[in-house]
């Protein structure tokens, strides 16, 4: 029974591997008009560029979400069973870097391919323009390594937790395939959007900015209030904007974390 938390951690890794499989699966070829609106599959237009991106990539979003759920419970189970160990901590980080670092990097890699494919000769884009996608995995690995050797105790995360990074990027395939707004599609097929996301998310992970965490020495309404706000935003926004609720909740989480910085330091 002492190995149960580690089995959950390995399940996290398995889900991350399955996410990668779906990201790399070849899919149908969507067509796009000049304004970025998807055409129907039976549309024939010799002037329209064919763009390949794995259609099954939305399944990767599901497996990254499952990995995040399992990642939450393996720590909870380890504490409940008093089965925390150095092995478990290292194994958890190794699983996280795959599920929430490598898999999101591949999602960005595919979207960058799609973005450049909209341009003339974009299908022949140099690999160096796609390489930044993997900065996300590198930043995530750096953050996890720093976390593993950090012996100080705090009630907040130092830098963006890598599961939050994974969940944000996991939302983009779902947004891409379910939205009906040309402006959203245009944003998601812009390489500049993805370069900005790479820079911001990588910086947040390697920074030491205090980020909210469900780690309390004693529970109070004041300490729970940021999470109550995030939950309320998630429920309300999911009703009106569907999967766009995920980036919105992420933004709210970062803002509340930064606003909560002073109280974080006061509670240590």
C-alpha atoms as a PDB file:
ATOM      1  CA  UNK A   1       0.000   0.000   0.000  1.00  0.00           C
ATOM      2  CA  UNK A   2       2.950   2.329   0.570  1.00  0.00           C
ATOM      3  CA  UNK A   3       3.551   2.278  -3.199  1.00  0.00           C
ATOM      4  CA  UNK A   4       0.022   3.475  -4.008  1.00  0.00           C
ATOM      5  CA  UNK A   5       1.037   7.167  -4.311  1.00  0.00           C
ATOM      6  CA  UNK A   6       3.848   6.173  -6.686  1.00  0.00           C
ATOM      7  CA  UNK A   7       1.403   4.185  -8.799  1.00  0.00           C
ATOM      8  CA  UNK A   8      -0.746   7.317  -9.111  1.00  0.00           C
ATOM      9  CA  UNK A   9       2.366   9.257 -10.132  1.00  0.00           C
ATOM     10  CA  UNK A  10       3.156   6.674 -12.819  1.00  0.00           C
ATOM     11  CA  UNK A  11      -0.445   6.995 -14.015  1.00  0.00           C
ATOM     12  CA  UNK A  12       0.220  10.714 -14.391  1.00  0.00           C
ATOM     13  CA  UNK A  13       3.225   9.838 -16.581  1.00  0.00           C
ATOM     14  CA  UNK A  14       1.159   7.359 -18.601  1.00  0.00           C
ATOM     15  CA  UNK A  15      -1.484   9.987 -19.321  1.00  0.00           C
ATOM     16  CA  UNK A  16       1.267  12.395 -20.392  1.00  0.00           C
ATOM     17  CA  UNK A  17       2.641   9.809 -22.818  1.00  0.00           C
ATOM     18  CA  UNK A  18      -0.843   9.198 -24.252  1.00  0.00           C
ATOM     19  CA  UNK A  19      -1.279  12.952 -24.703  1.00  0.00           C
ATOM     20  CA  UNK A  20       1.935  13.028 -26.748  1.00  0.00           C
ATOM     21  CA  UNK A  21       0.704  10.127 -28.883  1.00  0.00           C
ATOM     22  CA  UNK A  22      -2.492  12.003 -29.755  1.00  0.00           C
ATOM     23  CA  UNK A  23      -0.610  15.231 -30.461  1.00  0.00           C
ATOM     24  CA  UNK A  24       1.544  13.413 -33.008  1.00  0.00           C
ATOM     25  CA  UNK A  25      -1.289  11.448 -34.633  1.00  0.00           C
ATOM     26  CA  UNK A  26      -1.932  12.580 -38.231  1.00  0.00           C
ATOM     27  CA  UNK A  27      -5.420  13.975 -38.733  1.00  0.00           C
ATOM     28  CA  UNK A  28      -7.631  15.463 -41.403  1.00  0.00           C
ATOM     29  CA  UNK A  29      -6.523  18.551 -43.279  1.00  0.00           C
ATOM     30  CA  UNK A  30      -8.556  21.692 -42.463  1.00  0.00           C
ATOM     31  CA  UNK A  31      -8.967  24.393 -45.068  1.00  0.00           C
ATOM     32  CA  UNK A  32      -8.853  28.110 -44.392  1.00  0.00           C
ATOM     33  CA  UNK A  33     -10.000  31.153 -46.267  1.00  0.00           C
ATOM     34  CA  UNK A  34      -8.110  34.393 -46.202  1.00  0.00           C
ATOM     35  CA  UNK A  35      -9.888  35.573 -43.044  1.00  0.00           C
ATOM     36  CA  UNK A  36      -9.021  32.435 -41.083  1.00  0.00           C
ATOM     37  CA  UNK A  37     -12.510  30.864 -41.175  1.00  0.00           C
ATOM     38  CA  UNK A  38     -12.543  27.092 -41.550  1.00  0.00           C
ATOM     39  CA  UNK A  39     -14.257  25.733 -44.647  1.00  0.00           C
ATOM     40  CA  UNK A  40     -16.221  22.501 -44.815  1.00  0.00           C
ATOM     41  CA  UNK A  41     -14.378  19.315 -45.634  1.00  0.00           C
ATOM     42  CA  UNK A  42     -16.096  18.952 -49.027  1.00  0.00           C
ATOM     43  CA  UNK A  43     -15.225  22.463 -50.174  1.00  0.00           C
ATOM     44  CA  UNK A  44     -13.004  22.539 -53.239  1.00  0.00           C
ATOM     45  CA  UNK A  45     -10.947  25.607 -53.887  1.00  0.00           C
ATOM     46  CA  UNK A  46      -7.672  25.311 -55.716  1.00  0.00           C
ATOM     47  CA  UNK A  47      -6.656  28.686 -54.350  1.00  0.00           C
ATOM     48  CA  UNK A  48      -6.961  27.598 -50.724  1.00  0.00           C
ATOM     49  CA  UNK A  49      -3.875  26.320 -48.939  1.00  0.00           C
ATOM     50  CA  UNK A  50      -4.080  22.914 -47.298  1.00  0.00           C
ATOM     51  CA  UNK A  51      -2.844  22.979 -43.719  1.00  0.00           C
ATOM     52  CA  UNK A  52      -2.105  19.852 -41.706  1.00  0.00           C
ATOM     53  CA  UNK A  53      -2.535  19.688 -37.952  1.00  0.00           C
ATOM     54  CA  UNK A  54      -3.448  16.565 -35.950  1.00  0.00           C
ATOM     55  CA  UNK A  55      -7.232  16.578 -35.628  1.00  0.00           C
ATOM     56  CA  UNK A  56      -7.068  14.220 -32.652  1.00  0.00           C
ATOM     57  CA  UNK A  57      -4.956  16.688 -30.683  1.00  0.00           C
ATOM     58  CA  UNK A  58      -8.024  17.633 -28.636  1.00  0.00           C
ATOM     59  CA  UNK A  59      -7.744  14.169 -27.066  1.00  0.00           C
ATOM     60  CA  UNK A  60      -4.372  15.260 -25.703  1.00  0.00           C
ATOM     61  CA  UNK A  61      -6.215  17.945 -23.758  1.00  0.00           C
ATOM     62  CA  UNK A  62      -8.254  15.238 -22.045  1.00  0.00           C
ATOM     63  CA  UNK A  63      -5.190  13.227 -21.039  1.00  0.00           C
ATOM     64  CA  UNK A  64      -3.328  16.298 -19.757  1.00  0.00           C
ATOM     65  CA  UNK A  65      -6.381  17.142 -17.639  1.00  0.00           C
ATOM     66  CA  UNK A  66      -6.471  13.555 -16.318  1.00  0.00           C
ATOM     67  CA  UNK A  67      -2.767  13.800 -15.532  1.00  0.00           C
ATOM     68  CA  UNK A  68      -3.421  16.985 -13.541  1.00  0.00           C
ATOM     69  CA  UNK A  69      -6.188  15.290 -11.541  1.00  0.00           C
ATOM     70  CA  UNK A  70      -3.976  12.286 -10.767  1.00  0.00           C
ATOM     71  CA  UNK A  71      -1.071  14.613  -9.916  1.00  0.00           C
ATOM     72  CA  UNK A  72      -3.234  16.338  -7.307  1.00  0.00           C
ATOM     73  CA  UNK A  73      -4.369  13.095  -5.698  1.00  0.00           C
ATOM     74  CA  UNK A  74      -0.980  11.373  -5.559  1.00  0.00           C
ATOM     75  CA  UNK A  75       0.319  14.037  -3.166  1.00  0.00           C
ATOM     76  CA  UNK A  76      -2.911  13.962  -1.173  1.00  0.00           C
ATOM     77  CA  UNK A  77      -2.772  10.166  -0.872  1.00  0.00           C
ATOM     78  CA  UNK A  78       0.916  10.214   0.068  1.00  0.00           C
ATOM     79  CA  UNK A  79       0.242  12.646   2.935  1.00  0.00           C
ATOM     80  CA  UNK A  80      -2.882  10.763   4.035  1.00  0.00           C
ATOM     81  CA  UNK A  81      -0.979   7.440   4.126  1.00  0.00           C
ATOM     82  CA  UNK A  82       2.182   9.044   5.580  1.00  0.00           C
ATOM     83  CA  UNK A  83       3.990   7.579   2.592  1.00  0.00           C
ATOM     84  CA  UNK A  84       5.894  10.632   1.389  1.00  0.00           C
ATOM     85  CA  UNK A  85       9.438   9.815   0.263  1.00  0.00           C
ATOM     86  CA  UNK A  86      12.385  11.238  -1.658  1.00  0.00           C
ATOM     87  CA  UNK A  87      11.716   8.662  -4.378  1.00  0.00           C
ATOM     88  CA  UNK A  88       8.103   9.801  -4.678  1.00  0.00           C
ATOM     89  CA  UNK A  89       9.143  13.462  -4.952  1.00  0.00           C
ATOM     90  CA  UNK A  90      11.633  12.731  -7.729  1.00  0.00           C
ATOM     91  CA  UNK A  91       9.198  10.468  -9.557  1.00  0.00           C
ATOM     92  CA  UNK A  92       6.509  13.141  -9.358  1.00  0.00           C
ATOM     93  CA  UNK A  93       8.789  15.710 -10.978  1.00  0.00           C
ATOM     94  CA  UNK A  94       9.800  13.325 -13.763  1.00  0.00           C
ATOM     95  CA  UNK A  95       6.146  12.615 -14.541  1.00  0.00           C
ATOM     96  CA  UNK A  96       5.211  16.302 -14.395  1.00  0.00           C
ATOM     97  CA  UNK A  97       7.887  17.360 -16.863  1.00  0.00           C
ATOM     98  CA  UNK A  98       6.417  14.952 -19.423  1.00  0.00           C
ATOM     99  CA  UNK A  99       2.716  15.621 -18.837  1.00  0.00           C
ATOM    100  CA  UNK A 100       2.900  19.387 -18.255  1.00  0.00           C
ATOM    101  CA  UNK A 101       6.151  20.304 -20.006  1.00  0.00           C
ATOM    102  CA  UNK A 102       6.854  18.109 -23.031  1.00  0.00           C
ATOM    103  CA  UNK A 103       3.212  17.540 -24.034  1.00  0.00           C
ATOM    104  CA  UNK A 104       2.351  21.292 -23.964  1.00  0.00           C
ATOM    105  CA  UNK A 105       5.539  22.022 -25.926  1.00  0.00           C
ATOM    106  CA  UNK A 106       4.370  19.670 -28.657  1.00  0.00           C
ATOM    107  CA  UNK A 107       0.950  21.341 -28.706  1.00  0.00           C
ATOM    108  CA  UNK A 108       2.656  24.690 -29.274  1.00  0.00           C
ATOM    109  CA  UNK A 109       4.949  23.107 -31.890  1.00  0.00           C
ATOM    110  CA  UNK A 110       1.940  21.907 -33.894  1.00  0.00           C
ATOM    111  CA  UNK A 111       0.175  25.260 -33.616  1.00  0.00           C
ATOM    112  CA  UNK A 112       3.327  27.037 -34.778  1.00  0.00           C
ATOM    113  CA  UNK A 113       3.416  24.732 -37.810  1.00  0.00           C
ATOM    114  CA  UNK A 114      -0.186  25.631 -38.500  1.00  0.00           C
ATOM    115  CA  UNK A 115       0.556  29.330 -38.070  1.00  0.00           C
ATOM    116  CA  UNK A 116       3.443  29.376 -40.524  1.00  0.00           C
ATOM    117  CA  UNK A 117       1.535  27.197 -42.976  1.00  0.00           C
ATOM    118  CA  UNK A 118      -0.876  30.089 -43.536  1.00  0.00           C
ATOM    119  CA  UNK A 119       1.965  32.024 -45.148  1.00  0.00           C
ATOM    120  CA  UNK A 120       3.499  31.626 -48.596  1.00  0.00           C
ATOM    121  CA  UNK A 121       5.902  28.672 -48.539  1.00  0.00           C
ATOM    122  CA  UNK A 122       5.053  28.352 -44.852  1.00  0.00           C
ATOM    123  CA  UNK A 123       5.085  24.566 -44.996  1.00  0.00           C
ATOM    124  CA  UNK A 124       8.847  24.808 -45.581  1.00  0.00           C
ATOM    125  CA  UNK A 125       9.454  26.869 -42.441  1.00  0.00           C
ATOM    126  CA  UNK A 126      12.918  26.502 -40.910  1.00  0.00           C
ATOM    127  CA  UNK A 127      13.003  24.391 -37.757  1.00  0.00           C
ATOM    128  CA  UNK A 128      14.645  27.252 -35.861  1.00  0.00           C
ATOM    129  CA  UNK A 129      11.290  29.092 -35.949  1.00  0.00           C
ATOM    130  CA  UNK A 130       9.583  26.076 -34.339  1.00  0.00           C
ATOM    131  CA  UNK A 131      12.328  25.396 -31.789  1.00  0.00           C
ATOM    132  CA  UNK A 132      11.052  27.962 -29.202  1.00  0.00           C
ATOM    133  CA  UNK A 133       8.089  25.661 -28.516  1.00  0.00           C
ATOM    134  CA  UNK A 134      10.406  23.464 -26.471  1.00  0.00           C
ATOM    135  CA  UNK A 135      11.492  26.340 -24.229  1.00  0.00           C
ATOM    136  CA  UNK A 136       8.315  25.524 -22.288  1.00  0.00           C
ATOM    137  CA  UNK A 137       9.559  22.019 -21.456  1.00  0.00           C
ATOM    138  CA  UNK A 138      12.995  23.404 -20.560  1.00  0.00           C
ATOM    139  CA  UNK A 139      11.525  26.063 -18.256  1.00  0.00           C
ATOM    140  CA  UNK A 140       9.276  23.459 -16.631  1.00  0.00           C
ATOM    141  CA  UNK A 141      12.213  21.102 -16.021  1.00  0.00           C
ATOM    142  CA  UNK A 142      14.258  23.955 -14.520  1.00  0.00           C
ATOM    143  CA  UNK A 143      11.400  24.909 -12.203  1.00  0.00           C
ATOM    144  CA  UNK A 144      10.916  21.333 -11.018  1.00  0.00           C
ATOM    145  CA  UNK A 145      14.658  20.856 -10.402  1.00  0.00           C
ATOM    146  CA  UNK A 146      14.742  24.069  -8.354  1.00  0.00           C
ATOM    147  CA  UNK A 147      11.686  22.910  -6.419  1.00  0.00           C
ATOM    148  CA  UNK A 148      13.331  19.567  -5.605  1.00  0.00           C
ATOM    149  CA  UNK A 149      16.372  21.171  -3.980  1.00  0.00           C
ATOM    150  CA  UNK A 150      14.467  23.961  -2.213  1.00  0.00           C
ATOM    151  CA  UNK A 151      14.484  23.145   1.495  1.00  0.00           C
ATOM    152  CA  UNK A 152      12.639  26.282   2.622  1.00  0.00           C
ATOM    153  CA  UNK A 153       9.022  25.916   3.640  1.00  0.00           C
ATOM    154  CA  UNK A 154       6.377  28.310   2.349  1.00  0.00           C
ATOM    155  CA  UNK A 155       2.617  28.423   1.906  1.00  0.00           C
ATOM    156  CA  UNK A 156       2.836  29.440  -1.752  1.00  0.00           C
ATOM    157  CA  UNK A 157       4.436  28.262  -4.986  1.00  0.00           C
ATOM    158  CA  UNK A 158       7.653  29.928  -6.118  1.00  0.00           C
ATOM    159  CA  UNK A 159       6.950  30.487  -9.768  1.00  0.00           C
ATOM    160  CA  UNK A 160       4.048  29.172 -11.805  1.00  0.00           C
ATOM    161  CA  UNK A 161       3.278  25.529 -10.923  1.00  0.00           C
ATOM    162  CA  UNK A 162       3.883  23.392 -13.989  1.00  0.00           C
ATOM    163  CA  UNK A 163       0.427  21.692 -13.887  1.00  0.00           C
ATOM    164  CA  UNK A 164      -1.167  25.136 -14.356  1.00  0.00           C
ATOM    165  CA  UNK A 165       1.063  25.602 -17.399  1.00  0.00           C
ATOM    166  CA  UNK A 166      -0.063  22.246 -18.772  1.00  0.00           C
ATOM    167  CA  UNK A 167      -3.761  22.898 -18.258  1.00  0.00           C
ATOM    168  CA  UNK A 168      -3.568  26.300 -19.959  1.00  0.00           C
ATOM    169  CA  UNK A 169      -1.944  24.895 -23.096  1.00  0.00           C
ATOM    170  CA  UNK A 170      -4.280  21.893 -23.028  1.00  0.00           C
ATOM    171  CA  UNK A 171      -7.217  24.273 -23.425  1.00  0.00           C
ATOM    172  CA  UNK A 172      -6.061  25.690 -26.772  1.00  0.00           C
ATOM    173  CA  UNK A 173      -6.841  22.655 -28.976  1.00  0.00           C
ATOM    174  CA  UNK A 174     -10.349  22.580 -27.470  1.00  0.00           C
ATOM    175  CA  UNK A 175     -10.794  26.308 -28.071  1.00  0.00           C
ATOM    176  CA  UNK A 176      -9.499  25.955 -31.635  1.00  0.00           C
ATOM    177  CA  UNK A 177     -11.922  23.190 -32.606  1.00  0.00           C
ATOM    178  CA  UNK A 178     -15.018  24.476 -30.799  1.00  0.00           C
ATOM    179  CA  UNK A 179     -15.004  28.250 -31.268  1.00  0.00           C
ATOM    180  CA  UNK A 180     -17.104  29.923 -33.959  1.00  0.00           C
ATOM    181  CA  UNK A 181     -15.363  33.303 -33.926  1.00  0.00           C
ATOM    182  CA  UNK A 182     -12.971  34.216 -36.730  1.00  0.00           C
ATOM    183  CA  UNK A 183     -10.997  36.544 -34.441  1.00  0.00           C
ATOM    184  CA  UNK A 184     -10.200  33.671 -32.036  1.00  0.00           C
ATOM    185  CA  UNK A 185      -9.097  31.483 -34.938  1.00  0.00           C
ATOM    186  CA  UNK A 186      -6.932  34.288 -36.278  1.00  0.00           C
ATOM    187  CA  UNK A 187      -5.229  34.674 -32.904  1.00  0.00           C
ATOM    188  CA  UNK A 188      -4.573  30.940 -32.622  1.00  0.00           C
ATOM    189  CA  UNK A 189      -2.971  30.816 -36.066  1.00  0.00           C
ATOM    190  CA  UNK A 190      -0.656  33.750 -35.376  1.00  0.00           C
ATOM    191  CA  UNK A 191       2.960  32.780 -34.616  1.00  0.00           C
ATOM    192  CA  UNK A 192       3.356  35.983 -32.601  1.00  0.00           C
ATOM    193  CA  UNK A 193       0.636  34.841 -30.206  1.00  0.00           C
ATOM    194  CA  UNK A 194       2.514  31.600 -29.599  1.00  0.00           C
ATOM    195  CA  UNK A 195       5.890  33.289 -29.200  1.00  0.00           C
ATOM    196  CA  UNK A 196       4.318  35.608 -26.619  1.00  0.00           C
ATOM    197  CA  UNK A 197       2.791  32.637 -24.783  1.00  0.00           C
ATOM    198  CA  UNK A 198       6.128  30.816 -24.796  1.00  0.00           C
ATOM    199  CA  UNK A 199       7.922  33.819 -23.321  1.00  0.00           C
ATOM    200  CA  UNK A 200       5.289  34.648 -20.681  1.00  0.00           C
ATOM    201  CA  UNK A 201       4.708  31.080 -19.477  1.00  0.00           C
ATOM    202  CA  UNK A 202       8.393  30.161 -19.465  1.00  0.00           C
ATOM    203  CA  UNK A 203       9.217  33.327 -17.517  1.00  0.00           C
ATOM    204  CA  UNK A 204       6.436  32.691 -14.996  1.00  0.00           C
ATOM    205  CA  UNK A 205       7.705  29.157 -14.372  1.00  0.00           C
ATOM    206  CA  UNK A 206      11.363  30.049 -13.847  1.00  0.00           C
ATOM    207  CA  UNK A 207      10.584  33.190 -11.862  1.00  0.00           C
ATOM    208  CA  UNK A 208      10.208  33.148  -8.090  1.00  0.00           C
ATOM    209  CA  UNK A 209       6.963  35.086  -8.151  1.00  0.00           C
ATOM    210  CA  UNK A 210       4.719  33.856  -5.299  1.00  0.00           C
ATOM    211  CA  UNK A 211       1.754  31.937  -6.706  1.00  0.00           C
ATOM    212  CA  UNK A 212      -1.312  30.847  -4.792  1.00  0.00           C
ATOM    213  CA  UNK A 213      -1.287  27.317  -3.424  1.00  0.00           C
ATOM    214  CA  UNK A 214      -3.707  25.249  -1.382  1.00  0.00           C
ATOM    215  CA  UNK A 215      -1.210  25.005   1.445  1.00  0.00           C
ATOM    216  CA  UNK A 216      -2.456  26.419   4.757  1.00  0.00           C
ATOM    217  CA  UNK A 217      -1.340  25.966   8.343  1.00  0.00           C
ATOM    218  CA  UNK A 218      -4.893  26.929   9.279  1.00  0.00           C
ATOM    219  CA  UNK A 219      -7.898  27.492   7.031  1.00  0.00           C
ATOM    220  CA  UNK A 220      -9.774  30.782   7.016  1.00  0.00           C
ATOM    221  CA  UNK A 221     -12.202  32.574   4.721  1.00  0.00           C
ATOM    222  CA  UNK A 222      -9.506  35.137   3.946  1.00  0.00           C
ATOM    223  CA  UNK A 223      -7.090  32.471   2.738  1.00  0.00           C
ATOM    224  CA  UNK A 224      -9.763  30.629   0.774  1.00  0.00           C
ATOM    225  CA  UNK A 225     -11.243  33.766  -0.816  1.00  0.00           C
ATOM    226  CA  UNK A 226      -8.899  33.815  -3.887  1.00  0.00           C
ATOM    227  CA  UNK A 227      -9.827  30.214  -4.670  1.00  0.00           C
ATOM    228  CA  UNK A 228     -13.523  30.952  -4.186  1.00  0.00           C
ATOM    229  CA  UNK A 229     -13.195  33.822  -6.671  1.00  0.00           C
ATOM    230  CA  UNK A 230     -11.405  31.580  -9.182  1.00  0.00           C
ATOM    231  CA  UNK A 231     -14.071  28.875  -8.788  1.00  0.00           C
ATOM    232  CA  UNK A 232     -16.858  31.425  -9.294  1.00  0.00           C
ATOM    233  CA  UNK A 233     -15.158  32.826 -12.413  1.00  0.00           C
ATOM    234  CA  UNK A 234     -14.680  29.276 -13.738  1.00  0.00           C
ATOM    235  CA  UNK A 235     -18.332  28.307 -13.316  1.00  0.00           C
ATOM    236  CA  UNK A 236     -19.803  31.530 -14.701  1.00  0.00           C
ATOM    237  CA  UNK A 237     -17.375  31.887 -17.611  1.00  0.00           C
ATOM    238  CA  UNK A 238     -17.732  28.221 -18.603  1.00  0.00           C
ATOM    239  CA  UNK A 239     -21.455  28.798 -19.108  1.00  0.00           C
ATOM    240  CA  UNK A 240     -20.964  31.789 -21.409  1.00  0.00           C
ATOM    241  CA  UNK A 241     -17.614  31.281 -23.161  1.00  0.00           C
ATOM    242  CA  UNK A 242     -17.053  27.509 -22.826  1.00  0.00           C
ATOM    243  CA  UNK A 243     -13.366  26.538 -23.105  1.00  0.00           C
ATOM    244  CA  UNK A 244     -12.210  30.151 -23.175  1.00  0.00           C
ATOM    245  CA  UNK A 245     -12.952  29.995 -19.454  1.00  0.00           C
ATOM    246  CA  UNK A 246      -9.631  28.190 -18.937  1.00  0.00           C
ATOM    247  CA  UNK A 247      -7.364  31.068 -20.114  1.00  0.00           C
ATOM    248  CA  UNK A 248      -9.624  33.514 -18.267  1.00  0.00           C
ATOM    249  CA  UNK A 249      -9.283  31.574 -15.007  1.00  0.00           C
ATOM    250  CA  UNK A 250      -5.526  31.356 -15.558  1.00  0.00           C
ATOM    251  CA  UNK A 251      -5.299  35.143 -15.906  1.00  0.00           C
ATOM    252  CA  UNK A 252      -7.412  35.602 -12.759  1.00  0.00           C
ATOM    253  CA  UNK A 253      -5.167  33.129 -10.906  1.00  0.00           C
ATOM    254  CA  UNK A 254      -1.990  35.012 -11.872  1.00  0.00           C
ATOM    255  CA  UNK A 255      -3.489  38.411 -11.010  1.00  0.00           C
ATOM    256  CA  UNK A 256      -4.766  37.228  -7.617  1.00  0.00           C
ATOM    257  CA  UNK A 257      -1.384  35.611  -6.910  1.00  0.00           C
ATOM    258  CA  UNK A 258       0.438  38.860  -7.592  1.00  0.00           C
ATOM    259  CA  UNK A 259      -2.070  40.865  -5.559  1.00  0.00           C
ATOM    260  CA  UNK A 260      -1.751  38.350  -2.743  1.00  0.00           C
ATOM    261  CA  UNK A 261       2.051  38.619  -2.680  1.00  0.00           C
ATOM    262  CA  UNK A 262       2.305  40.696   0.463  1.00  0.00           C
ATOM    263  CA  UNK A 263      -0.019  38.493   2.496  1.00  0.00           C
ATOM    264  CA  UNK A 264       1.937  35.438   1.323  1.00  0.00           C
ATOM    265  CA  UNK A 265       5.109  36.843   2.827  1.00  0.00           C
ATOM    266  CA  UNK A 266       3.351  37.864   6.029  1.00  0.00           C
ATOM    267  CA  UNK A 267       1.997  34.344   6.581  1.00  0.00           C
ATOM    268  CA  UNK A 268       5.313  32.518   6.329  1.00  0.00           C
END
